[in-house]
Amino acid sequence: MSAETASTRLEEGLTRSRELEVLERVRSIPEGFVSTYGDVSPGAPRFAGTVLFHGDDPDLPWWRVVRADGSLAKGDRQATLLRAEGVPFRGGRVDMQRARLPGEP
């Protein structure tokens, strides 16, 4: 195996590990609460978005991940699911002071 192949496999393994961490954090968000992309992928919120975009697990509560300002990436579809769980809103955004998972910044 070449050094380049070994390096690529290591990078793929690390990326896969990071993906699993993001998915685990999303699964741990309880009903009625939200976390931000930065909460589920500290230092790399766009990575969390990519993982969720490419995910295909129908049981993954993707709708519980919102932008830091409480706005929604998936609009009305996401808002409907969050409201059904009792997540509080202020206008068209999630009320982050009340809905953000306790212990998050």
C-alpha atoms as a PDB file:
ATOM      1  CA  MET A   1       0.000   0.000   0.000  1.00  0.00           C
ATOM      2  CA  SER A   2       1.381   3.389  -0.919  1.00  0.00           C
ATOM      3  CA  ALA A   3       1.687   6.230   1.567  1.00  0.00           C
ATOM      4  CA  GLU A   4      -0.915   8.116  -0.458  1.00  0.00           C
ATOM      5  CA  THR A   5      -3.410   5.237  -0.225  1.00  0.00           C
ATOM      6  CA  ALA A   6      -2.793   4.893   3.523  1.00  0.00           C
ATOM      7  CA  SER A   7      -3.286   8.623   3.984  1.00  0.00           C
ATOM      8  CA  THR A   8      -6.545   8.570   1.995  1.00  0.00           C
ATOM      9  CA  ARG A   9      -7.878   5.653   4.054  1.00  0.00           C
ATOM     10  CA  LEU A  10      -6.951   7.433   7.283  1.00  0.00           C
ATOM     11  CA  GLU A  11      -8.714  10.595   6.143  1.00  0.00           C
ATOM     12  CA  GLU A  12     -11.803   8.611   5.110  1.00  0.00           C
ATOM     13  CA  GLY A  13     -11.801   6.867   8.490  1.00  0.00           C
ATOM     14  CA  LEU A  14     -11.538  10.162  10.362  1.00  0.00           C
ATOM     15  CA  THR A  15     -14.278  11.706   8.243  1.00  0.00           C
ATOM     16  CA  ARG A  16     -16.494   8.674   8.844  1.00  0.00           C
ATOM     17  CA  SER A  17     -15.812   8.924  12.575  1.00  0.00           C
ATOM     18  CA  ARG A  18     -16.746  12.623  12.532  1.00  0.00           C
ATOM     19  CA  GLU A  19     -19.933  11.791  10.630  1.00  0.00           C
ATOM     20  CA  LEU A  20     -20.895   9.214  13.241  1.00  0.00           C
ATOM     21  CA  GLU A  21     -20.272  11.741  16.031  1.00  0.00           C
ATOM     22  CA  VAL A  22     -22.562  14.253  14.331  1.00  0.00           C
ATOM     23  CA  LEU A  23     -25.279  11.632  13.826  1.00  0.00           C
ATOM     24  CA  GLU A  24     -24.986  10.515  17.454  1.00  0.00           C
ATOM     25  CA  ARG A  25     -25.350  14.093  18.686  1.00  0.00           C
ATOM     26  CA  VAL A  26     -28.397  14.661  16.493  1.00  0.00           C
ATOM     27  CA  ARG A  27     -30.015  11.440  17.749  1.00  0.00           C
ATOM     28  CA  SER A  28     -29.462  12.582  21.341  1.00  0.00           C
ATOM     29  CA  ILE A  29     -31.506  15.802  20.967  1.00  0.00           C
ATOM     30  CA  PRO A  30     -34.730  15.147  22.886  1.00  0.00           C
ATOM     31  CA  GLU A  31     -38.162  15.957  21.553  1.00  0.00           C
ATOM     32  CA  GLY A  32     -39.104  19.571  22.205  1.00  0.00           C
ATOM     33  CA  PHE A  33     -35.530  20.874  22.019  1.00  0.00           C
ATOM     34  CA  VAL A  34     -33.100  21.966  19.325  1.00  0.00           C
ATOM     35  CA  SER A  35     -29.358  22.212  18.839  1.00  0.00           C
ATOM     36  CA  THR A  36     -27.433  24.233  16.306  1.00  0.00           C
ATOM     37  CA  TYR A  37     -25.240  22.978  13.499  1.00  0.00           C
ATOM     38  CA  GLY A  38     -22.276  24.232  15.533  1.00  0.00           C
ATOM     39  CA  ASP A  39     -23.474  22.320  18.611  1.00  0.00           C
ATOM     40  CA  VAL A  40     -23.535  19.006  16.765  1.00  0.00           C
ATOM     41  CA  SER A  41     -20.278  19.704  14.912  1.00  0.00           C
ATOM     42  CA  PRO A  42     -18.182  22.120  17.003  1.00  0.00           C
ATOM     43  CA  GLY A  43     -15.906  24.232  14.858  1.00  0.00           C
ATOM     44  CA  ALA A  44     -17.390  22.897  11.625  1.00  0.00           C
ATOM     45  CA  PRO A  45     -21.118  23.660  11.375  1.00  0.00           C
ATOM     46  CA  ARG A  46     -21.144  23.268   7.597  1.00  0.00           C
ATOM     47  CA  PHE A  47     -19.864  19.720   8.040  1.00  0.00           C
ATOM     48  CA  ALA A  48     -22.976  18.966  10.107  1.00  0.00           C
ATOM     49  CA  GLY A  49     -25.136  20.354   7.325  1.00  0.00           C
ATOM     50  CA  THR A  50     -23.395  18.155   4.791  1.00  0.00           C
ATOM     51  CA  VAL A  51     -23.816  15.058   6.958  1.00  0.00           C
ATOM     52  CA  LEU A  52     -27.524  15.758   7.460  1.00  0.00           C
ATOM     53  CA  PHE A  53     -28.048  16.540   3.779  1.00  0.00           C
ATOM     54  CA  HIS A  54     -26.559  13.214   2.727  1.00  0.00           C
ATOM     55  CA  GLY A  55     -28.122  11.170   5.522  1.00  0.00           C
ATOM     56  CA  ASP A  56     -30.750   8.593   4.680  1.00  0.00           C
ATOM     57  CA  ASP A  57     -31.802   7.359   8.137  1.00  0.00           C
ATOM     58  CA  PRO A  58     -35.578   7.903   8.338  1.00  0.00           C
ATOM     59  CA  ASP A  59     -35.405   7.864  12.155  1.00  0.00           C
ATOM     60  CA  LEU A  60     -32.834  10.676  12.384  1.00  0.00           C
ATOM     61  CA  PRO A  61     -34.496  13.793  13.905  1.00  0.00           C
ATOM     62  CA  TRP A  62     -32.782  16.194  11.474  1.00  0.00           C
ATOM     63  CA  TRP A  63     -35.450  18.853  12.071  1.00  0.00           C
ATOM     64  CA  ARG A  64     -34.085  19.448  15.602  1.00  0.00           C
ATOM     65  CA  VAL A  65     -30.920  21.042  14.178  1.00  0.00           C
ATOM     66  CA  VAL A  66     -31.298  24.743  13.405  1.00  0.00           C
ATOM     67  CA  ARG A  67     -29.092  27.708  12.612  1.00  0.00           C
ATOM     68  CA  ALA A  68     -27.558  29.596  15.546  1.00  0.00           C
ATOM     69  CA  ASP A  69     -30.030  32.459  15.112  1.00  0.00           C
ATOM     70  CA  GLY A  70     -33.002  30.068  15.275  1.00  0.00           C
ATOM     71  CA  SER A  71     -33.776  30.233  11.569  1.00  0.00           C
ATOM     72  CA  LEU A  72     -34.628  27.059   9.719  1.00  0.00           C
ATOM     73  CA  ALA A  73     -32.735  25.522   6.815  1.00  0.00           C
ATOM     74  CA  LYS A  74     -35.768  23.503   5.692  1.00  0.00           C
ATOM     75  CA  GLY A  75     -38.447  26.161   6.128  1.00  0.00           C
ATOM     76  CA  ASP A  76     -42.093  25.235   6.609  1.00  0.00           C
ATOM     77  CA  ARG A  77     -41.485  21.486   6.614  1.00  0.00           C
ATOM     78  CA  GLN A  78     -39.058  21.814   9.519  1.00  0.00           C
ATOM     79  CA  ALA A  79     -41.234  24.353  11.350  1.00  0.00           C
ATOM     80  CA  THR A  80     -44.224  22.005  11.195  1.00  0.00           C
ATOM     81  CA  LEU A  81     -42.249  19.146  12.753  1.00  0.00           C
ATOM     82  CA  LEU A  82     -40.785  21.370  15.480  1.00  0.00           C
ATOM     83  CA  ARG A  83     -44.140  22.931  16.361  1.00  0.00           C
ATOM     84  CA  ALA A  84     -45.662  19.445  16.610  1.00  0.00           C
ATOM     85  CA  GLU A  85     -43.049  18.707  19.293  1.00  0.00           C
ATOM     86  CA  GLY A  86     -43.851  21.904  21.183  1.00  0.00           C
ATOM     87  CA  VAL A  87     -40.695  23.826  20.283  1.00  0.00           C
ATOM     88  CA  PRO A  88     -41.315  27.535  21.018  1.00  0.00           C
ATOM     89  CA  PHE A  89     -40.990  30.108  18.263  1.00  0.00           C
ATOM     90  CA  ARG A  90     -40.631  33.885  18.162  1.00  0.00           C
ATOM     91  CA  GLY A  91     -42.001  34.908  14.814  1.00  0.00           C
ATOM     92  CA  GLY A  92     -40.565  32.618  12.173  1.00  0.00           C
ATOM     93  CA  ARG A  93     -37.558  31.536  14.240  1.00  0.00           C
ATOM     94  CA  VAL A  94     -37.060  29.090  17.064  1.00  0.00           C
ATOM     95  CA  ASP A  95     -36.856  30.836  20.445  1.00  0.00           C
ATOM     96  CA  MET A  96     -33.297  29.737  21.167  1.00  0.00           C
ATOM     97  CA  GLN A  97     -33.314  30.889  24.791  1.00  0.00           C
ATOM     98  CA  ARG A  98     -36.152  28.488  25.564  1.00  0.00           C
ATOM     99  CA  ALA A  99     -35.645  25.706  23.016  1.00  0.00           C
ATOM    100  CA  ARG A 100     -31.902  25.163  22.870  1.00  0.00           C
ATOM    101  CA  LEU A 101     -30.833  21.978  24.541  1.00  0.00           C
ATOM    102  CA  PRO A 102     -29.739  22.709  28.145  1.00  0.00           C
ATOM    103  CA  GLY A 103     -25.983  22.834  28.544  1.00  0.00           C
ATOM    104  CA  GLU A 104     -25.383  24.252  25.090  1.00  0.00           C
ATOM    105  CA  PRO A 105     -23.895  27.764  24.867  1.00  0.00           C
END
